[in-house]
Amino acid sequence: MIELLSPVGDFECLKAAVQNGADSVYFGADMFSARAFAHNFNLEDLKKAIHYAKIRGVKTNLTLNTLIKNDEFDVAFHIAKTAYLYGIDSIIVQDLGFANQLIKSFPDLPIHGSTQMTVHNLNGALELQELGFKRVVLARELSIDEIDYICKNTNIEIECFAHGALCISYSGQCLFSSMIGRSLWKPWKMCSAL
């Protein structure tokens, strides 16, 4: 099945995506989102966004796709639990420990592996499948043939970016890109399509 999934950084973007045919949208909370420089949604706005999309038949995906530090774990889990109670359709994560806790705590909530995980081969997709992930967002550098091979040899849902990226290195490795570049511009601020 093909699904048109659109990133939304604020409520106006959400309305535009929904009104123009997106099947699903993804957005970040105001913490723990790799799209740190997007507007993102606080918990009150998150509830409104989920409701707006749901009553129009559009699925919602929350990005909590940064690495979670020990002292941040409870706050990140609270955001995930709140989104779950609001009716979020899935949560997109990078942190394996956080994903494991979400999978155990909310077995009916699909957990997606973010492009931040840099899954670029069949073994990576199979590992996430084994861990209980529902979907993996593959690295942008893969060819059509590589994507096809992964799709044909795994049961996990596959998501691919259909547009270019502003990252200058590997998908999901914005900070790595910034360390390589070390120029006057800040490439991690440019990564708007995570």
Protein backbone atom coordinates (compact mmCIF):
# COMPACT_ATOMS: atom_id res chain seq x y z
CA MET A 1 0.00 0.00 0.00
CA ILE A 2 1.27 3.46 -0.84
CA GLU A 3 0.64 6.23 1.67
CA LEU A 4 1.31 9.93 1.22
CA LEU A 5 2.88 11.09 4.50
CA SER A 6 3.60 14.77 4.99
CA PRO A 7 5.69 16.57 7.62
CA VAL A 8 3.91 19.40 9.42
CA GLY A 9 5.67 21.91 11.63
CA ASP A 10 2.68 23.90 12.84
CA PHE A 11 -1.11 23.98 12.67
CA GLU A 12 -1.20 25.88 9.37
CA CYS A 13 1.03 23.25 7.76
CA LEU A 14 -1.19 20.54 9.24
CA LYS A 15 -4.29 22.08 7.68
CA ALA A 16 -2.54 22.43 4.32
CA ALA A 17 -1.39 18.79 4.34
CA VAL A 18 -4.79 17.45 5.37
CA GLN A 19 -6.74 19.64 2.95
CA ASN A 20 -4.45 18.68 0.06
CA GLY A 21 -4.73 14.93 0.32
CA ALA A 22 -2.15 13.62 2.78
CA ASP A 23 -3.05 10.16 4.07
CA SER A 24 -0.88 10.70 7.14
CA VAL A 25 1.09 13.47 8.79
CA TYR A 26 4.03 13.52 11.15
CA PHE A 27 4.97 16.21 13.58
CA GLY A 28 7.12 16.76 16.62
CA ALA A 29 6.34 17.60 20.19
CA ASP A 30 8.04 20.65 21.62
CA MET A 31 10.75 18.35 23.03
CA PHE A 32 12.67 15.31 21.73
CA SER A 33 12.03 15.92 18.04
CA ALA A 34 14.87 15.90 15.53
CA ARG A 35 12.98 18.69 13.77
CA ALA A 36 14.06 21.00 16.59
CA PHE A 37 13.87 24.14 14.48
CA ALA A 38 10.32 23.50 13.30
CA HIS A 39 7.54 25.10 15.34
CA ASN A 40 6.37 21.72 16.74
CA PHE A 41 3.45 21.18 19.11
CA ASN A 42 3.09 21.53 22.87
CA LEU A 43 0.79 19.03 24.62
CA GLU A 44 -2.30 21.21 24.27
CA ASP A 45 -1.64 21.81 20.57
CA LEU A 46 -0.84 18.12 20.14
CA LYS A 47 -4.35 17.20 21.27
CA LYS A 48 -5.89 19.68 18.81
CA ALA A 49 -3.69 18.49 15.95
CA ILE A 50 -4.53 14.84 16.50
CA HIS A 51 -8.24 15.64 16.73
CA TYR A 52 -8.16 17.81 13.60
CA ALA A 53 -6.50 15.08 11.54
CA LYS A 54 -8.47 12.15 12.98
CA ILE A 55 -11.92 13.58 12.26
CA ARG A 56 -10.78 14.03 8.66
CA GLY A 57 -9.50 10.45 8.32
CA VAL A 58 -5.81 11.36 8.36
CA LYS A 59 -3.40 9.31 10.46
CA THR A 60 -1.03 11.04 12.88
CA ASN A 61 2.56 10.16 13.70
CA LEU A 62 4.52 11.80 16.50
CA THR A 63 8.29 12.21 16.22
CA LEU A 64 10.14 11.63 19.47
CA ASN A 65 13.22 10.78 17.47
CA THR A 66 16.21 12.05 19.37
CA LEU A 67 18.43 10.05 21.68
CA ILE A 68 16.90 10.21 25.15
CA LYS A 69 19.22 10.84 28.10
CA ASN A 70 18.58 9.07 31.40
CA ASP A 71 17.35 12.23 33.09
CA GLU A 72 14.99 12.94 30.16
CA PHE A 73 13.39 9.51 29.96
CA ASP A 74 10.40 10.15 32.25
CA VAL A 75 9.50 13.39 30.46
CA ALA A 76 9.75 11.74 27.03
CA PHE A 77 7.65 8.82 28.24
CA HIS A 78 5.02 11.24 29.62
CA ILE A 79 4.77 12.95 26.22
CA ALA A 80 4.42 9.56 24.49
CA LYS A 81 1.78 8.38 26.96
CA THR A 82 -0.16 11.63 26.60
CA ALA A 83 -0.08 11.37 22.80
CA TYR A 84 -1.21 7.74 23.08
CA LEU A 85 -4.16 8.79 25.24
CA TYR A 86 -5.00 11.53 22.71
CA GLY A 87 -5.17 8.87 19.97
CA ILE A 88 -1.86 9.21 18.09
CA ASP A 89 -1.53 6.50 15.43
CA SER A 90 2.20 5.89 15.84
CA ILE A 91 5.38 7.24 17.39
CA ILE A 92 8.58 7.61 15.38
CA VAL A 93 11.70 7.04 17.49
CA GLN A 94 15.48 6.79 17.25
CA ASP A 95 16.40 5.61 20.75
CA LEU A 96 16.26 1.81 21.10
CA GLY A 97 15.81 1.85 24.89
CA PHE A 98 12.94 4.31 24.60
CA ALA A 99 11.39 2.27 21.78
CA ASN A 100 11.63 -0.90 23.87
CA GLN A 101 9.76 0.76 26.75
CA LEU A 102 7.06 2.08 24.40
CA ILE A 103 6.60 -1.33 22.76
CA LYS A 104 6.21 -2.98 26.18
CA SER A 105 3.94 -0.27 27.61
CA PHE A 106 1.68 0.25 24.59
CA PRO A 107 1.60 -3.02 22.61
CA ASP A 108 -1.18 -1.73 20.34
CA LEU A 109 0.69 1.45 19.40
CA PRO A 110 2.86 1.11 16.28
CA ILE A 111 6.45 2.23 16.82
CA HIS A 112 8.37 3.37 13.75
CA GLY A 113 12.15 3.47 13.38
CA SER A 114 13.16 7.00 12.38
CA THR A 115 15.51 7.81 9.52
CA GLN A 116 17.70 8.98 12.43
CA MET A 117 18.50 5.27 12.95
CA THR A 118 20.24 5.17 9.53
CA VAL A 119 18.77 1.80 8.55
CA HIS A 120 20.27 1.22 5.13
CA ASN A 121 20.12 -2.55 4.62
CA LEU A 122 18.02 -5.67 5.08
CA ASN A 123 19.77 -6.66 8.33
CA GLY A 124 18.83 -3.35 9.95
CA ALA A 125 15.19 -3.70 8.86
CA LEU A 126 15.04 -7.29 10.11
CA GLU A 127 16.52 -6.28 13.45
CA LEU A 128 13.86 -3.62 13.98
CA GLN A 129 11.19 -6.10 12.94
CA GLU A 130 12.50 -8.57 15.52
CA LEU A 131 12.49 -5.87 18.21
CA GLY A 132 8.79 -5.19 17.59
CA PHE A 133 8.88 -2.10 15.38
CA LYS A 134 5.96 -1.80 12.95
CA ARG A 135 7.75 0.36 10.35
CA VAL A 136 11.22 1.57 9.42
CA VAL A 137 12.03 4.82 7.64
CA LEU A 138 14.93 3.85 5.40
CA ALA A 139 17.99 6.01 4.83
CA ARG A 140 17.60 8.36 1.88
CA GLU A 141 20.75 7.16 0.16
CA LEU A 142 19.26 3.83 -0.92
CA SER A 143 18.58 3.08 -4.57
CA ILE A 144 15.21 1.83 -5.82
CA ASP A 145 16.72 -1.65 -6.20
CA GLU A 146 18.00 -1.67 -2.61
CA ILE A 147 14.61 -0.54 -1.30
CA ASP A 148 12.88 -3.20 -3.39
CA TYR A 149 15.20 -5.89 -2.01
CA ILE A 150 14.45 -4.88 1.58
CA CYS A 151 10.70 -4.77 0.88
CA LYS A 152 10.70 -8.26 -0.63
CA ASN A 153 12.66 -9.82 2.24
CA THR A 154 11.00 -8.42 5.36
CA ASN A 155 7.52 -8.07 6.81
CA ILE A 156 8.12 -4.69 8.44
CA GLU A 157 6.44 -1.70 6.80
CA ILE A 158 8.87 0.37 4.75
CA GLU A 159 8.81 4.14 4.50
CA CYS A 160 10.98 6.13 2.10
CA PHE A 161 11.48 9.83 1.56
CA ALA A 162 10.30 10.81 -1.91
CA HIS A 163 12.17 14.09 -1.98
CA GLY A 164 15.72 15.23 -1.48
CA ALA A 165 17.34 16.21 1.77
CA LEU A 166 19.30 19.20 2.91
CA CYS A 167 21.65 17.04 4.98
CA ILE A 168 25.19 16.94 3.64
CA SER A 169 26.09 13.52 4.97
CA TYR A 170 24.14 10.41 5.80
CA SER A 171 20.42 10.37 6.54
CA GLY A 172 19.67 11.08 10.14
CA GLN A 173 23.24 12.03 10.95
CA CYS A 174 22.82 15.79 10.99
CA LEU A 175 25.21 16.38 13.87
CA PHE A 176 27.79 14.19 12.14
CA SER A 177 27.28 16.28 9.02
CA SER A 178 27.85 19.44 11.00
CA MET A 179 31.11 18.12 12.41
CA ILE A 180 32.39 17.26 8.94
CA GLY A 181 31.32 20.60 7.46
CA ARG A 182 32.55 22.89 10.26
CA SER A 183 31.70 25.84 8.04
CA LEU A 184 29.99 29.10 8.92
CA TRP A 185 26.53 27.68 8.24
CA LYS A 186 24.90 25.17 10.53
CA PRO A 187 23.71 22.15 8.50
CA TRP A 188 21.77 20.60 11.38
CA LYS A 189 19.53 23.68 11.34
CA MET A 190 18.85 22.98 7.69
CA CYS A 191 17.58 19.42 8.21
CA SER A 192 13.88 20.13 7.96
CA ALA A 193 12.78 16.79 6.54
CA LEU A 194 13.58 14.45 9.42
